[in-house]
Amino acid sequence: MEGITVPRDIHAGETDRSREAPGRPLALESIVVRYDDRPDRCTIAPKTRTDENALTAWLTADLSAFVDLGNVR
């Protein structure tokens, strides 16, 4: 598979609490993909996805860009 980076590990988790915004509940899920030859990546997305938000309501970044909220308060 030359030129293709293959994940070493994929881990999914969910937030330990939900937050509500006016008119809509918000529960998030995180998916971490670990690689041997590039930075690990984390995607945060709504736990319940609809056709409408499946392609737009998510954020992906290098895992090192995410910090523990309790550690930075």
C-alpha atoms as a PDB file:
ATOM      1  CA  MET A   1       0.000   0.000   0.000  1.00  0.00           C
ATOM      2  CA  GLU A   2       2.532   2.547  -1.082  1.00  0.00           C
ATOM      3  CA  GLY A   3       1.487   6.121  -0.374  1.00  0.00           C
ATOM      4  CA  ILE A   4      -1.406   5.111   1.882  1.00  0.00           C
ATOM      5  CA  THR A   5      -1.179   5.542   5.654  1.00  0.00           C
ATOM      6  CA  VAL A   6      -2.889   2.693   7.471  1.00  0.00           C
ATOM      7  CA  PRO A   7      -4.241   3.343  10.980  1.00  0.00           C
ATOM      8  CA  ARG A   8      -2.623   1.363  13.782  1.00  0.00           C
ATOM      9  CA  ASP A   9      -5.633   1.662  16.123  1.00  0.00           C
ATOM     10  CA  ILE A  10      -9.098   3.225  16.125  1.00  0.00           C
ATOM     11  CA  HIS A  11     -10.833   4.046  19.420  1.00  0.00           C
ATOM     12  CA  ALA A  12     -14.312   5.521  19.838  1.00  0.00           C
ATOM     13  CA  GLY A  13     -15.629   7.062  23.012  1.00  0.00           C
ATOM     14  CA  GLU A  14     -18.333   9.400  24.137  1.00  0.00           C
ATOM     15  CA  THR A  15     -18.435  12.390  26.417  1.00  0.00           C
ATOM     16  CA  ASP A  16     -19.316  11.735  30.026  1.00  0.00           C
ATOM     17  CA  ARG A  17     -21.947  14.464  29.989  1.00  0.00           C
ATOM     18  CA  SER A  18     -24.340  16.095  27.592  1.00  0.00           C
ATOM     19  CA  ARG A  19     -24.913  19.781  27.202  1.00  0.00           C
ATOM     20  CA  GLU A  20     -28.135  21.286  26.031  1.00  0.00           C
ATOM     21  CA  ALA A  21     -28.487  24.298  23.806  1.00  0.00           C
ATOM     22  CA  PRO A  22     -31.819  26.043  23.341  1.00  0.00           C
ATOM     23  CA  GLY A  23     -34.033  23.654  21.387  1.00  0.00           C
ATOM     24  CA  ARG A  24     -31.484  20.870  20.921  1.00  0.00           C
ATOM     25  CA  PRO A  25     -29.579  18.415  23.076  1.00  0.00           C
ATOM     26  CA  LEU A  26     -25.869  17.981  22.424  1.00  0.00           C
ATOM     27  CA  ALA A  27     -24.062  14.696  23.037  1.00  0.00           C
ATOM     28  CA  LEU A  28     -20.646  14.253  21.452  1.00  0.00           C
ATOM     29  CA  GLU A  29     -18.582  11.243  20.471  1.00  0.00           C
ATOM     30  CA  SER A  30     -14.821  11.164  19.949  1.00  0.00           C
ATOM     31  CA  ILE A  31     -13.014   8.866  17.548  1.00  0.00           C
ATOM     32  CA  VAL A  32      -9.221   8.577  17.821  1.00  0.00           C
ATOM     33  CA  VAL A  33      -7.230   7.071  14.972  1.00  0.00           C
ATOM     34  CA  ARG A  34      -3.627   6.187  15.868  1.00  0.00           C
ATOM     35  CA  TYR A  35      -0.912   5.975  13.214  1.00  0.00           C
ATOM     36  CA  ASP A  36       2.676   4.728  13.298  1.00  0.00           C
ATOM     37  CA  ASP A  37       4.017   7.169  10.722  1.00  0.00           C
ATOM     38  CA  ARG A  38       2.060  10.396  11.234  1.00  0.00           C
ATOM     39  CA  PRO A  39       0.292  12.274  14.052  1.00  0.00           C
ATOM     40  CA  ASP A  40      -2.690  10.551  15.656  1.00  0.00           C
ATOM     41  CA  ARG A  41      -6.021  12.179  14.737  1.00  0.00           C
ATOM     42  CA  CYS A  42      -9.175  12.822  16.782  1.00  0.00           C
ATOM     43  CA  THR A  43     -12.636  13.512  15.389  1.00  0.00           C
ATOM     44  CA  ILE A  44     -15.408  15.009  17.542  1.00  0.00           C
ATOM     45  CA  ALA A  45     -18.937  14.602  16.187  1.00  0.00           C
ATOM     46  CA  PRO A  46     -22.521  14.530  17.425  1.00  0.00           C
ATOM     47  CA  LYS A  47     -23.300  11.137  18.948  1.00  0.00           C
ATOM     48  CA  THR A  48     -26.566  11.017  17.020  1.00  0.00           C
ATOM     49  CA  ARG A  49     -26.003  11.987  13.416  1.00  0.00           C
ATOM     50  CA  THR A  50     -28.648  12.862  10.878  1.00  0.00           C
ATOM     51  CA  ASP A  51     -28.317  12.798   7.110  1.00  0.00           C
ATOM     52  CA  GLU A  52     -28.221  16.589   7.276  1.00  0.00           C
ATOM     53  CA  ASN A  53     -25.252  16.893   9.664  1.00  0.00           C
ATOM     54  CA  ALA A  54     -23.326  13.694   8.908  1.00  0.00           C
ATOM     55  CA  LEU A  55     -20.948  15.476   6.541  1.00  0.00           C
ATOM     56  CA  THR A  56     -20.783  18.890   8.216  1.00  0.00           C
ATOM     57  CA  ALA A  57     -21.117  18.653  12.012  1.00  0.00           C
ATOM     58  CA  TRP A  58     -17.698  17.337  13.005  1.00  0.00           C
ATOM     59  CA  LEU A  59     -14.166  18.508  13.790  1.00  0.00           C
ATOM     60  CA  THR A  60     -10.949  16.598  13.111  1.00  0.00           C
ATOM     61  CA  ALA A  61      -7.466  17.623  14.254  1.00  0.00           C
ATOM     62  CA  ASP A  62      -4.191  16.131  15.419  1.00  0.00           C
ATOM     63  CA  LEU A  63      -4.752  14.491  18.800  1.00  0.00           C
ATOM     64  CA  SER A  64      -2.124  16.797  20.341  1.00  0.00           C
ATOM     65  CA  ALA A  65      -4.401  19.796  19.621  1.00  0.00           C
ATOM     66  CA  PHE A  66      -6.982  18.559  22.151  1.00  0.00           C
ATOM     67  CA  VAL A  67      -6.458  19.171  25.865  1.00  0.00           C
ATOM     68  CA  ASP A  68      -8.221  17.944  28.987  1.00  0.00           C
ATOM     69  CA  LEU A  69     -10.659  20.673  30.015  1.00  0.00           C
ATOM     70  CA  GLY A  70     -10.025  20.066  33.712  1.00  0.00           C
ATOM     71  CA  ASN A  71      -6.291  20.634  33.236  1.00  0.00           C
ATOM     72  CA  VAL A  72      -6.663  24.015  31.546  1.00  0.00           C
ATOM     73  CA  ARG A  73      -9.267  25.637  33.775  1.00  0.00           C
END
